[in-house]
Amino acid sequence: MTTGSSTVAWRSLLLWGSAALVVTVTAVSFVLWGLNGPAYLVDLIATYCL
């Protein structure tokens, strides 16, 4: 059994998953910004963080 290639596969999967998440969050942010302006994003962050 080759554990080295398994580790590389998991790291690759995590890297691609993280990149997909960043792209999705960025796209959603731009859509929300375009629909409602920056105030909506600020209110959303304030609601969930405070």
Protein backbone atom coordinates (compact mmCIF):
# COMPACT_ATOMS: atom_id res chain seq x y z
CA MET A 1 0.00 0.00 0.00
CA THR A 2 1.35 3.43 -0.88
CA THR A 3 0.55 5.92 1.83
CA GLY A 4 2.54 8.69 0.15
CA SER A 5 0.24 8.90 -2.86
CA SER A 6 -2.80 8.73 -0.57
CA THR A 7 -1.51 11.74 1.37
CA VAL A 8 -0.89 13.65 -1.84
CA ALA A 9 -4.42 12.83 -3.03
CA TRP A 10 -5.98 14.15 0.19
CA ARG A 11 -3.90 17.31 0.06
CA SER A 12 -4.92 17.85 -3.55
CA LEU A 13 -8.57 17.27 -2.69
CA LEU A 14 -8.39 19.73 0.22
CA LEU A 15 -6.65 22.31 -1.96
CA TRP A 16 -9.26 22.06 -4.73
CA GLY A 17 -12.08 22.10 -2.19
CA SER A 18 -10.69 25.21 -0.53
CA ALA A 19 -10.24 26.93 -3.88
CA ALA A 20 -13.82 26.08 -4.88
CA LEU A 21 -15.10 27.46 -1.58
CA VAL A 22 -13.18 30.72 -2.04
CA VAL A 23 -14.50 31.12 -5.59
CA THR A 24 -18.07 30.42 -4.46
CA VAL A 25 -17.91 32.87 -1.55
CA THR A 26 -16.41 35.53 -3.82
CA ALA A 27 -19.10 35.01 -6.47
CA VAL A 28 -21.90 35.19 -3.89
CA SER A 29 -20.38 38.36 -2.44
CA PHE A 30 -20.29 40.03 -5.85
CA VAL A 31 -23.91 39.01 -6.54
CA LEU A 32 -25.10 40.36 -3.19
CA TRP A 33 -23.05 43.52 -3.69
CA GLY A 34 -24.57 44.07 -7.12
CA LEU A 35 -28.15 43.43 -5.97
CA ASN A 36 -28.24 45.39 -2.73
CA GLY A 37 -25.05 47.37 -2.50
CA PRO A 38 -22.39 47.26 0.19
CA ALA A 39 -24.81 47.99 3.03
CA TYR A 40 -26.33 44.53 2.69
CA LEU A 41 -22.98 42.79 3.12
CA VAL A 42 -22.06 44.96 6.08
CA ASP A 43 -25.43 44.25 7.73
CA LEU A 44 -25.05 40.53 7.03
CA ILE A 45 -21.58 40.38 8.59
CA ALA A 46 -22.71 42.46 11.57
CA THR A 47 -25.69 40.18 12.14
CA TYR A 48 -23.70 36.97 12.16
CA CYS A 49 -20.59 38.24 13.94
CA LEU A 50 -22.00 40.51 16.63
